[in-house]
Amino acid sequence: MPYIARDADGHILSVSRLMDDRHIEFASPHDSTLLAFLSNAEEDRGFSSLDSDLIRVIEDLIDVLIDKNVLRLTDLPHEAQKKLLARKSLRSKMRGEFKLLGDDDVL
């Protein structure tokens, strides 16, 4: 049973399964405005996924340009350097956390 919160103009802001102080209006699961809101939310998730994929492509492209000495990391603005290094560090840590065996370990 979806409950919705609306803004001053009557547009849906959020949806909840439970009624609370913000989500006080019950909406039929077949309500056209609710379905439109949920459809837009699904499209936003799709774009977010594509954005994440594109960010990874750009990072890989920057790595290739650096490896080929076409670009130096220091050519980029300081904030861009920090973000790239932070993402690279996080990815490295995540790979390490899920690596159950070292390079020399045998099952």
PDB file of N, CA and C in Angstrom:
ATOM      1  N   MET A   1       0.836  -1.175   0.000  1.00  0.00           N
ATOM      2  CA  MET A   1       0.000   0.000   0.000  1.00  0.00           C
ATOM      3  C   MET A   1       0.880   1.238   0.000  1.00  0.00           C
ATOM      4  N   PRO A   2       0.983   1.925  -1.097  1.00  0.00           N
ATOM      5  CA  PRO A   2       1.877   3.083  -1.156  1.00  0.00           C
ATOM      6  C   PRO A   2       1.242   4.351  -0.577  1.00  0.00           C
ATOM      7  N   TYR A   3       2.049   5.041   0.196  1.00  0.00           N
ATOM      8  CA  TYR A   3       1.682   6.358   0.698  1.00  0.00           C
ATOM      9  C   TYR A   3       2.641   7.351   0.066  1.00  0.00           C
ATOM     10  N   ILE A   4       2.137   8.520  -0.274  1.00  0.00           N
ATOM     11  CA  ILE A   4       2.964   9.484  -0.994  1.00  0.00           C
ATOM     12  C   ILE A   4       3.063  10.803  -0.248  1.00  0.00           C
ATOM     13  N   ALA A   5       4.160  11.506  -0.519  1.00  0.00           N
ATOM     14  CA  ALA A   5       4.360  12.878  -0.042  1.00  0.00           C
ATOM     15  C   ALA A   5       4.384  13.765  -1.276  1.00  0.00           C
ATOM     16  N   ARG A   6       3.707  14.895  -1.190  1.00  0.00           N
ATOM     17  CA  ARG A   6       3.636  15.824  -2.323  1.00  0.00           C
ATOM     18  C   ARG A   6       4.262  17.161  -1.951  1.00  0.00           C
ATOM     19  N   ASP A   7       4.714  17.899  -2.982  1.00  0.00           N
ATOM     20  CA  ASP A   7       5.201  19.259  -2.764  1.00  0.00           C
ATOM     21  C   ASP A   7       4.025  20.232  -2.808  1.00  0.00           C
ATOM     22  N   ALA A   8       4.308  21.523  -2.672  1.00  0.00           N
ATOM     23  CA  ALA A   8       3.259  22.547  -2.639  1.00  0.00           C
ATOM     24  C   ALA A   8       2.457  22.590  -3.938  1.00  0.00           C
ATOM     25  N   ASP A   9       3.071  22.175  -5.037  1.00  0.00           N
ATOM     26  CA  ASP A   9       2.382  22.179  -6.335  1.00  0.00           C
ATOM     27  C   ASP A   9       1.611  20.890  -6.605  1.00  0.00           C
ATOM     28  N   GLY A  10       1.680  19.946  -5.668  1.00  0.00           N
ATOM     29  CA  GLY A  10       0.953  18.694  -5.836  1.00  0.00           C
ATOM     30  C   GLY A  10       1.729  17.590  -6.520  1.00  0.00           C
ATOM     31  N   HIS A  11       3.008  17.831  -6.825  1.00  0.00           N
ATOM     32  CA  HIS A  11       3.835  16.796  -7.458  1.00  0.00           C
ATOM     33  C   HIS A  11       4.327  15.805  -6.402  1.00  0.00           C
ATOM     34  N   ILE A  12       4.403  14.552  -6.767  1.00  0.00           N
ATOM     35  CA  ILE A  12       4.883  13.526  -5.840  1.00  0.00           C
ATOM     36  C   ILE A  12       6.375  13.732  -5.595  1.00  0.00           C
ATOM     37  N   LEU A  13       6.740  13.775  -4.302  1.00  0.00           N
ATOM     38  CA  LEU A  13       8.145  13.901  -3.910  1.00  0.00           C
ATOM     39  C   LEU A  13       8.757  12.552  -3.573  1.00  0.00           C
ATOM     40  N   SER A  14       7.987  11.720  -2.854  1.00  0.00           N
ATOM     41  CA  SER A  14       8.505  10.418  -2.454  1.00  0.00           C
ATOM     42  C   SER A  14       7.347   9.472  -2.153  1.00  0.00           C
ATOM     43  N   VAL A  15       7.686   8.193  -2.084  1.00  0.00           N
ATOM     44  CA  VAL A  15       6.704   7.136  -1.865  1.00  0.00           C
ATOM     45  C   VAL A  15       7.208   6.266  -0.726  1.00  0.00           C
ATOM     46  N   SER A  16       6.289   5.807   0.115  1.00  0.00           N
ATOM     47  CA  SER A  16       6.647   4.936   1.227  1.00  0.00           C
ATOM     48  C   SER A  16       5.624   3.813   1.339  1.00  0.00           C
ATOM     49  N   ARG A  17       6.073   2.667   1.821  1.00  0.00           N
ATOM     50  CA  ARG A  17       5.137   1.563   2.067  1.00  0.00           C
ATOM     51  C   ARG A  17       4.288   1.832   3.306  1.00  0.00           C
ATOM     52  N   LEU A  18       4.858   2.644   4.212  1.00  0.00           N
ATOM     53  CA  LEU A  18       4.194   2.909   5.480  1.00  0.00           C
ATOM     54  C   LEU A  18       3.764   4.361   5.577  1.00  0.00           C
ATOM     55  N   MET A  19       2.665   4.592   6.279  1.00  0.00           N
ATOM     56  CA  MET A  19       2.225   5.960   6.524  1.00  0.00           C
ATOM     57  C   MET A  19       3.095   6.538   7.645  1.00  0.00           C
ATOM     58  N   ASP A  20       3.540   7.766   7.451  1.00  0.00           N
ATOM     59  CA  ASP A  20       4.264   8.486   8.491  1.00  0.00           C
ATOM     60  C   ASP A  20       3.870   9.952   8.413  1.00  0.00           C
ATOM     61  N   ASP A  21       4.604  10.819   9.118  1.00  0.00           N
ATOM     62  CA  ASP A  21       4.207  12.230   9.150  1.00  0.00           C
ATOM     63  C   ASP A  21       4.347  12.918   7.798  1.00  0.00           C
ATOM     64  N   ARG A  22       5.167  12.408   6.893  1.00  0.00           N
ATOM     65  CA  ARG A  22       5.312  12.990   5.550  1.00  0.00           C
ATOM     66  C   ARG A  22       4.441  12.288   4.525  1.00  0.00           C
ATOM     67  N   HIS A  23       4.343  10.992   4.636  1.00  0.00           N
ATOM     68  CA  HIS A  23       3.618  10.173   3.654  1.00  0.00           C
ATOM     69  C   HIS A  23       2.230   9.857   4.206  1.00  0.00           C
ATOM     70  N   ILE A  24       1.315  10.800   4.036  1.00  0.00           N
ATOM     71  CA  ILE A  24      -0.006  10.647   4.647  1.00  0.00           C
ATOM     72  C   ILE A  24      -1.101  10.329   3.628  1.00  0.00           C
ATOM     73  N   GLU A  25      -0.797  10.520   2.369  1.00  0.00           N
ATOM     74  CA  GLU A  25      -1.812  10.303   1.335  1.00  0.00           C
ATOM     75  C   GLU A  25      -1.658   8.907   0.736  1.00  0.00           C
ATOM     76  N   PHE A  26      -2.735   8.114   0.830  1.00  0.00           N
ATOM     77  CA  PHE A  26      -2.727   6.791   0.214  1.00  0.00           C
ATOM     78  C   PHE A  26      -2.917   6.946  -1.289  1.00  0.00           C
ATOM     79  N   ALA A  27      -2.172   6.174  -2.059  1.00  0.00           N
ATOM     80  CA  ALA A  27      -2.320   6.185  -3.517  1.00  0.00           C
ATOM     81  C   ALA A  27      -2.547   4.756  -3.991  1.00  0.00           C
ATOM     82  N   SER A  28      -3.465   4.609  -4.875  1.00  0.00           N
ATOM     83  CA  SER A  28      -3.701   3.303  -5.477  1.00  0.00           C
ATOM     84  C   SER A  28      -2.449   2.896  -6.254  1.00  0.00           C
ATOM     85  N   PRO A  29      -2.072   1.633  -6.195  1.00  0.00           N
ATOM     86  CA  PRO A  29      -0.915   1.178  -6.974  1.00  0.00           C
ATOM     87  C   PRO A  29      -1.092   1.389  -8.474  1.00  0.00           C
ATOM     88  N   HIS A  30      -2.324   1.648  -8.902  1.00  0.00           N
ATOM     89  CA  HIS A  30      -2.611   1.853 -10.323  1.00  0.00           C
ATOM     90  C   HIS A  30      -2.788   3.328 -10.670  1.00  0.00           C
ATOM     91  N   ASP A  31      -2.578   4.215  -9.695  1.00  0.00           N
ATOM     92  CA  ASP A  31      -2.735   5.654  -9.915  1.00  0.00           C
ATOM     93  C   ASP A  31      -1.751   6.123 -10.986  1.00  0.00           C
ATOM     94  N   SER A  32      -2.234   6.879 -11.965  1.00  0.00           N
ATOM     95  CA  SER A  32      -1.392   7.280 -13.100  1.00  0.00           C
ATOM     96  C   SER A  32      -0.237   8.191 -12.677  1.00  0.00           C
ATOM     97  N   THR A  33      -0.468   9.078 -11.703  1.00  0.00           N
ATOM     98  CA  THR A  33       0.633   9.963 -11.273  1.00  0.00           C
ATOM     99  C   THR A  33       1.698   9.171 -10.525  1.00  0.00           C
ATOM    100  N   LEU A  34       1.272   8.184  -9.746  1.00  0.00           N
ATOM    101  CA  LEU A  34       2.234   7.329  -9.044  1.00  0.00           C
ATOM    102  C   LEU A  34       3.039   6.509 -10.051  1.00  0.00           C
ATOM    103  N   LEU A  35       2.379   5.938 -11.030  1.00  0.00           N
ATOM    104  CA  LEU A  35       3.079   5.145 -12.046  1.00  0.00           C
ATOM    105  C   LEU A  35       4.061   6.005 -12.839  1.00  0.00           C
ATOM    106  N   ALA A  36       3.677   7.241 -13.137  1.00  0.00           N
ATOM    107  CA  ALA A  36       4.581   8.150 -13.855  1.00  0.00           C
ATOM    108  C   ALA A  36       5.792   8.481 -12.994  1.00  0.00           C
ATOM    109  N   PHE A  37       5.560   8.729 -11.698  1.00  0.00           N
ATOM    110  CA  PHE A  37       6.662   9.024 -10.774  1.00  0.00           C
ATOM    111  C   PHE A  37       7.630   7.845 -10.710  1.00  0.00           C
ATOM    112  N   LEU A  38       7.098   6.645 -10.556  1.00  0.00           N
ATOM    113  CA  LEU A  38       7.948   5.454 -10.475  1.00  0.00           C
ATOM    114  C   LEU A  38       8.682   5.205 -11.787  1.00  0.00           C
ATOM    115  N   SER A  39       8.056   5.491 -12.894  1.00  0.00           N
ATOM    116  CA  SER A  39       8.700   5.335 -14.195  1.00  0.00           C
ATOM    117  C   SER A  39       9.884   6.284 -14.325  1.00  0.00           C
ATOM    118  N   ASN A  40       9.698   7.532 -13.883  1.00  0.00           N
ATOM    119  CA  ASN A  40      10.802   8.502 -13.916  1.00  0.00           C
ATOM    120  C   ASN A  40      11.938   8.073 -13.010  1.00  0.00           C
ATOM    121  N   ALA A  41      11.606   7.507 -11.846  1.00  0.00           N
ATOM    122  CA  ALA A  41      12.637   7.043 -10.925  1.00  0.00           C
ATOM    123  C   ALA A  41      13.449   5.918 -11.566  1.00  0.00           C
ATOM    124  N   GLU A  42      12.775   5.026 -12.283  1.00  0.00           N
ATOM    125  CA  GLU A  42      13.466   3.923 -12.968  1.00  0.00           C
ATOM    126  C   GLU A  42      14.392   4.458 -14.053  1.00  0.00           C
ATOM    127  N   GLU A  43      13.934   5.470 -14.797  1.00  0.00           N
ATOM    128  CA  GLU A  43      14.781   6.081 -15.827  1.00  0.00           C
ATOM    129  C   GLU A  43      16.006   6.733 -15.195  1.00  0.00           C
ATOM    130  N   ASP A  44      15.814   7.399 -14.043  1.00  0.00           N
ATOM    131  CA  ASP A  44      16.937   8.026 -13.347  1.00  0.00           C
ATOM    132  C   ASP A  44      17.972   6.982 -12.944  1.00  0.00           C
ATOM    133  N   ARG A  45      17.503   5.811 -12.458  1.00  0.00           N
ATOM    134  CA  ARG A  45      18.440   4.744 -12.087  1.00  0.00           C
ATOM    135  C   ARG A  45      19.200   4.254 -13.316  1.00  0.00           C
ATOM    136  N   GLY A  46      18.520   4.188 -14.448  1.00  0.00           N
ATOM    137  CA  GLY A  46      19.184   3.769 -15.682  1.00  0.00           C
ATOM    138  C   GLY A  46      20.279   4.737 -16.077  1.00  0.00           C
ATOM    139  N   PHE A  47      19.985   6.039 -15.983  1.00  0.00           N
ATOM    140  CA  PHE A  47      21.000   7.040 -16.305  1.00  0.00           C
ATOM    141  C   PHE A  47      22.155   6.986 -15.312  1.00  0.00           C
ATOM    142  N   SER A  48      21.856   6.755 -14.044  1.00  0.00           N
ATOM    143  CA  SER A  48      22.919   6.668 -13.043  1.00  0.00           C
ATOM    144  C   SER A  48      23.866   5.521 -13.366  1.00  0.00           C
ATOM    145  N   SER A  49      23.297   4.404 -13.783  1.00  0.00           N
ATOM    146  CA  SER A  49      24.119   3.258 -14.153  1.00  0.00           C
ATOM    147  C   SER A  49      24.991   3.583 -15.361  1.00  0.00           C
ATOM    148  N   LEU A  50      24.402   4.227 -16.360  1.00  0.00           N
ATOM    149  CA  LEU A  50      25.177   4.621 -17.541  1.00  0.00           C
ATOM    150  C   LEU A  50      26.260   5.630 -17.174  1.00  0.00           C
ATOM    151  N   ASP A  51      25.933   6.561 -16.278  1.00  0.00           N
ATOM    152  CA  ASP A  51      26.922   7.543 -15.841  1.00  0.00           C
ATOM    153  C   ASP A  51      28.099   6.862 -15.160  1.00  0.00           C
ATOM    154  N   SER A  52      27.816   5.879 -14.312  1.00  0.00           N
ATOM    155  CA  SER A  52      28.888   5.148 -13.634  1.00  0.00           C
ATOM    156  C   SER A  52      29.778   4.432 -14.641  1.00  0.00           C
ATOM    157  N   ASP A  53      29.153   3.820 -15.628  1.00  0.00           N
ATOM    158  CA  ASP A  53      29.923   3.129 -16.665  1.00  0.00           C
ATOM    159  C   ASP A  53      30.788   4.112 -17.447  1.00  0.00           C
ATOM    160  N   LEU A  54      30.230   5.271 -17.780  1.00  0.00           N
ATOM    161  CA  LEU A  54      30.977   6.273 -18.537  1.00  0.00           C
ATOM    162  C   LEU A  54      32.138   6.826 -17.719  1.00  0.00           C
ATOM    163  N   ILE A  55      31.928   7.014 -16.434  1.00  0.00           N
ATOM    164  CA  ILE A  55      33.011   7.489 -15.566  1.00  0.00           C
ATOM    165  C   ILE A  55      34.169   6.506 -15.605  1.00  0.00           C
ATOM    166  N   ARG A  56      33.856   5.217 -15.558  1.00  0.00           N
ATOM    167  CA  ARG A  56      34.912   4.204 -15.599  1.00  0.00           C
ATOM    168  C   ARG A  56      35.647   4.240 -16.938  1.00  0.00           C
ATOM    169  N   VAL A  57      34.935   4.446 -18.030  1.00  0.00           N
ATOM    170  CA  VAL A  57      35.564   4.555 -19.352  1.00  0.00           C
ATOM    171  C   VAL A  57      36.515   5.751 -19.380  1.00  0.00           C
ATOM    172  N   ILE A  58      36.077   6.874 -18.833  1.00  0.00           N
ATOM    173  CA  ILE A  58      36.923   8.072 -18.811  1.00  0.00           C
ATOM    174  C   ILE A  58      38.168   7.828 -17.966  1.00  0.00           C
ATOM    175  N   GLU A  59      38.008   7.173 -16.823  1.00  0.00           N
ATOM    176  CA  GLU A  59      39.172   6.843 -15.991  1.00  0.00           C
ATOM    177  C   GLU A  59      40.152   5.959 -16.762  1.00  0.00           C
ATOM    178  N   ASP A  60      39.637   4.939 -17.438  1.00  0.00           N
ATOM    179  CA  ASP A  60      40.506   4.054 -18.217  1.00  0.00           C
ATOM    180  C   ASP A  60      41.204   4.820 -19.338  1.00  0.00           C
ATOM    181  N   LEU A  61      40.491   5.726 -19.985  1.00  0.00           N
ATOM    182  CA  LEU A  61      41.082   6.547 -21.040  1.00  0.00           C
ATOM    183  C   LEU A  61      42.213   7.412 -20.486  1.00  0.00           C
ATOM    184  N   ILE A  62      41.995   8.010 -19.340  1.00  0.00           N
ATOM    185  CA  ILE A  62      43.043   8.828 -18.713  1.00  0.00           C
ATOM    186  C   ILE A  62      44.253   7.963 -18.391  1.00  0.00           C
ATOM    187  N   ASP A  63      44.022   6.746 -17.876  1.00  0.00           N
ATOM    188  CA  ASP A  63      45.137   5.837 -17.584  1.00  0.00           C
ATOM    189  C   ASP A  63      45.934   5.511 -18.845  1.00  0.00           C
ATOM    190  N   VAL A  64      45.241   5.247 -19.951  1.00  0.00           N
ATOM    191  CA  VAL A  64      45.924   4.945 -21.218  1.00  0.00           C
ATOM    192  C   VAL A  64      46.748   6.148 -21.675  1.00  0.00           C
ATOM    193  N   LEU A  65      46.171   7.333 -21.606  1.00  0.00           N
ATOM    194  CA  LEU A  65      46.899   8.544 -22.020  1.00  0.00           C
ATOM    195  C   LEU A  65      48.127   8.782 -21.145  1.00  0.00           C
ATOM    196  N   ILE A  66      48.009   8.492 -19.864  1.00  0.00           N
ATOM    197  CA  ILE A  66      49.161   8.634 -18.967  1.00  0.00           C
ATOM    198  C   ILE A  66      50.207   7.579 -19.297  1.00  0.00           C
ATOM    199  N   ASP A  67      49.780   6.331 -19.500  1.00  0.00           N
ATOM    200  CA  ASP A  67      50.717   5.250 -19.833  1.00  0.00           C
ATOM    201  C   ASP A  67      51.471   5.527 -21.129  1.00  0.00           C
ATOM    202  N   LYS A  68      50.834   6.187 -22.077  1.00  0.00           N
ATOM    203  CA  LYS A  68      51.468   6.494 -23.365  1.00  0.00           C
ATOM    204  C   LYS A  68      52.201   7.840 -23.348  1.00  0.00           C
ATOM    205  N   ASN A  69      52.296   8.431 -22.163  1.00  0.00           N
ATOM    206  CA  ASN A  69      52.975   9.726 -21.986  1.00  0.00           C
ATOM    207  C   ASN A  69      52.371  10.843 -22.834  1.00  0.00           C
ATOM    208  N   VAL A  70      51.088  10.746 -23.104  1.00  0.00           N
ATOM    209  CA  VAL A  70      50.376  11.809 -23.803  1.00  0.00           C
ATOM    210  C   VAL A  70      49.889  12.835 -22.782  1.00  0.00           C
ATOM    211  N   LEU A  71      49.650  12.368 -21.574  1.00  0.00           N
ATOM    212  CA  LEU A  71      49.105  13.191 -20.505  1.00  0.00           C
ATOM    213  C   LEU A  71      49.827  12.842 -19.215  1.00  0.00           C
ATOM    214  N   ARG A  72      50.025  13.829 -18.388  1.00  0.00           N
ATOM    215  CA  ARG A  72      50.557  13.582 -17.044  1.00  0.00           C
ATOM    216  C   ARG A  72      49.442  13.872 -16.056  1.00  0.00           C
ATOM    217  N   LEU A  73      49.421  13.126 -14.980  1.00  0.00           N
ATOM    218  CA  LEU A  73      48.409  13.358 -13.959  1.00  0.00           C
ATOM    219  C   LEU A  73      48.457  14.806 -13.492  1.00  0.00           C
ATOM    220  N   THR A  74      49.649  15.356 -13.410  1.00  0.00           N
ATOM    221  CA  THR A  74      49.800  16.741 -12.944  1.00  0.00           C
ATOM    222  C   THR A  74      49.285  17.764 -13.954  1.00  0.00           C
ATOM    223  N   ASP A  75      48.984  17.335 -15.181  1.00  0.00           N
ATOM    224  CA  ASP A  75      48.368  18.240 -16.159  1.00  0.00           C
ATOM    225  C   ASP A  75      46.912  18.542 -15.795  1.00  0.00           C
ATOM    226  N   LEU A  76      46.329  17.668 -15.008  1.00  0.00           N
ATOM    227  CA  LEU A  76      44.925  17.826 -14.630  1.00  0.00           C
ATOM    228  C   LEU A  76      44.802  18.773 -13.438  1.00  0.00           C
ATOM    229  N   PRO A  77      43.660  19.425 -13.286  1.00  0.00           N
ATOM    230  CA  PRO A  77      43.443  20.266 -12.105  1.00  0.00           C
ATOM    231  C   PRO A  77      43.592  19.441 -10.826  1.00  0.00           C
ATOM    232  N   HIS A  78      44.008  20.107  -9.769  1.00  0.00           N
ATOM    233  CA  HIS A  78      44.277  19.425  -8.502  1.00  0.00           C
ATOM    234  C   HIS A  78      43.061  18.616  -8.020  1.00  0.00           C
ATOM    235  N   GLU A  79      41.873  19.197  -8.124  1.00  0.00           N
ATOM    236  CA  GLU A  79      40.663  18.490  -7.680  1.00  0.00           C
ATOM    237  C   GLU A  79      40.431  17.225  -8.509  1.00  0.00           C
ATOM    238  N   ALA A  80      40.680  17.289  -9.793  1.00  0.00           N
ATOM    239  CA  ALA A  80      40.524  16.108 -10.651  1.00  0.00           C
ATOM    240  C   ALA A  80      41.540  15.038 -10.265  1.00  0.00           C
ATOM    241  N   GLN A  81      42.767  15.451  -9.967  1.00  0.00           N
ATOM    242  CA  GLN A  81      43.795  14.501  -9.529  1.00  0.00           C
ATOM    243  C   GLN A  81      43.341  13.782  -8.260  1.00  0.00           C
ATOM    244  N   LYS A  82      42.835  14.557  -7.294  1.00  0.00           N
ATOM    245  CA  LYS A  82      42.397  13.971  -6.023  1.00  0.00           C
ATOM    246  C   LYS A  82      41.271  12.966  -6.240  1.00  0.00           C
ATOM    247  N   LYS A  83      40.322  13.310  -7.086  1.00  0.00           N
ATOM    248  CA  LYS A  83      39.192  12.409  -7.330  1.00  0.00           C
ATOM    249  C   LYS A  83      39.633  11.133  -8.033  1.00  0.00           C
ATOM    250  N   LEU A  84      40.490  11.273  -9.036  1.00  0.00           N
ATOM    251  CA  LEU A  84      40.980  10.087  -9.746  1.00  0.00           C
ATOM    252  C   LEU A  84      41.759   9.172  -8.812  1.00  0.00           C
ATOM    253  N   LEU A  85      42.641   9.760  -8.002  1.00  0.00           N
ATOM    254  CA  LEU A  85      43.441   8.952  -7.082  1.00  0.00           C
ATOM    255  C   LEU A  85      42.573   8.309  -6.007  1.00  0.00           C
ATOM    256  N   ALA A  86      41.563   9.015  -5.529  1.00  0.00           N
ATOM    257  CA  ALA A  86      40.664   8.453  -4.518  1.00  0.00           C
ATOM    258  C   ALA A  86      39.887   7.272  -5.093  1.00  0.00           C
ATOM    259  N   ARG A  87      39.390   7.407  -6.318  1.00  0.00           N
ATOM    260  CA  ARG A  87      38.647   6.307  -6.945  1.00  0.00           C
ATOM    261  C   ARG A  87      39.559   5.106  -7.199  1.00  0.00           C
ATOM    262  N   LYS A  88      40.775   5.387  -7.654  1.00  0.00           N
ATOM    263  CA  LYS A  88      41.729   4.308  -7.916  1.00  0.00           C
ATOM    264  C   LYS A  88      42.073   3.579  -6.614  1.00  0.00           C
ATOM    265  N   SER A  89      42.273   4.338  -5.543  1.00  0.00           N
ATOM    266  CA  SER A  89      42.588   3.757  -4.245  1.00  0.00           C
ATOM    267  C   SER A  89      41.429   2.903  -3.730  1.00  0.00           C
ATOM    268  N   LEU A  90      40.224   3.414  -3.851  1.00  0.00           N
ATOM    269  CA  LEU A  90      39.053   2.668  -3.397  1.00  0.00           C
ATOM    270  C   LEU A  90      38.883   1.376  -4.187  1.00  0.00           C
ATOM    271  N   ARG A  91      39.053   1.451  -5.495  1.00  0.00           N
ATOM    272  CA  ARG A  91      38.945   0.244  -6.324  1.00  0.00           C
ATOM    273  C   ARG A  91      40.007  -0.774  -5.927  1.00  0.00           C
ATOM    274  N   SER A  92      41.211  -0.301  -5.662  1.00  0.00           N
ATOM    275  CA  SER A  92      42.303  -1.181  -5.259  1.00  0.00           C
ATOM    276  C   SER A  92      41.983  -1.861  -3.923  1.00  0.00           C
ATOM    277  N   LYS A  93      41.451  -1.096  -2.982  1.00  0.00           N
ATOM    278  CA  LYS A  93      41.086  -1.664  -1.679  1.00  0.00           C
ATOM    279  C   LYS A  93      39.975  -2.689  -1.827  1.00  0.00           C
ATOM    280  N   MET A  94      38.998  -2.393  -2.676  1.00  0.00           N
ATOM    281  CA  MET A  94      37.891  -3.325  -2.870  1.00  0.00           C
ATOM    282  C   MET A  94      38.381  -4.632  -3.479  1.00  0.00           C
ATOM    283  N   ARG A  95      39.283  -4.543  -4.421  1.00  0.00           N
ATOM    284  CA  ARG A  95      39.846  -5.768  -5.017  1.00  0.00           C
ATOM    285  C   ARG A  95      40.587  -6.558  -3.958  1.00  0.00           C
ATOM    286  N   GLY A  96      41.326  -5.883  -3.096  1.00  0.00           N
ATOM    287  CA  GLY A  96      42.090  -6.553  -2.050  1.00  0.00           C
ATOM    288  C   GLY A  96      41.204  -7.221  -1.022  1.00  0.00           C
ATOM    289  N   GLU A  97      40.068  -6.613  -0.698  1.00  0.00           N
ATOM    290  CA  GLU A  97      39.168  -7.179   0.297  1.00  0.00           C
ATOM    291  C   GLU A  97      38.532  -8.470  -0.187  1.00  0.00           C
ATOM    292  N   PHE A  98      38.291  -8.573  -1.476  1.00  0.00           N
ATOM    293  CA  PHE A  98      37.629  -9.750  -2.005  1.00  0.00           C
ATOM    294  C   PHE A  98      38.617 -10.802  -2.502  1.00  0.00           C
ATOM    295  N   LYS A  99      39.885 -10.497  -2.416  1.00  0.00           N
ATOM    296  CA  LYS A  99      40.903 -11.444  -2.849  1.00  0.00           C
ATOM    297  C   LYS A  99      41.171 -12.404  -1.694  1.00  0.00           C
ATOM    298  N   LEU A 100      40.690 -13.619  -1.811  1.00  0.00           N
ATOM    299  CA  LEU A 100      40.807 -14.576  -0.725  1.00  0.00           C
ATOM    300  C   LEU A 100      42.194 -15.195  -0.649  1.00  0.00           C
ATOM    301  N   LEU A 101      42.853 -15.343  -1.776  1.00  0.00           N
ATOM    302  CA  LEU A 101      44.190 -15.917  -1.820  1.00  0.00           C
ATOM    303  C   LEU A 101      45.150 -14.899  -2.398  1.00  0.00           C
ATOM    304  N   GLY A 102      46.394 -14.941  -1.931  1.00  0.00           N
ATOM    305  CA  GLY A 102      47.408 -14.078  -2.504  1.00  0.00           C
ATOM    306  C   GLY A 102      47.831 -14.601  -3.861  1.00  0.00           C
ATOM    307  N   ASP A 103      48.724 -13.870  -4.517  1.00  0.00           N
ATOM    308  CA  ASP A 103      49.178 -14.283  -5.845  1.00  0.00           C
ATOM    309  C   ASP A 103      49.912 -15.619  -5.813  1.00  0.00           C
ATOM    310  N   ASP A 104      50.594 -15.918  -4.699  1.00  0.00           N
ATOM    311  CA  ASP A 104      51.393 -17.143  -4.614  1.00  0.00           C
ATOM    312  C   ASP A 104      50.628 -18.319  -4.020  1.00  0.00           C
ATOM    313  N   ASP A 105      49.451 -18.057  -3.465  1.00  0.00           N
ATOM    314  CA  ASP A 105      48.704 -19.110  -2.789  1.00  0.00           C
ATOM    315  C   ASP A 105      48.072 -20.059  -3.790  1.00  0.00           C
ATOM    316  N   VAL A 106      48.035 -21.321  -3.392  1.00  0.00           N
ATOM    317  CA  VAL A 106      47.460 -22.367  -4.226  1.00  0.00           C
ATOM    318  C   VAL A 106      46.348 -23.026  -3.433  1.00  0.00           C
ATOM    319  N   LEU A 107      45.296 -23.419  -4.112  1.00  0.00           N
ATOM    320  CA  LEU A 107      44.210 -24.144  -3.440  1.00  0.00           C
ATOM    321  C   LEU A 107      44.599 -25.558  -3.147  1.00  0.00           C
TER     322      LEU A 107
END
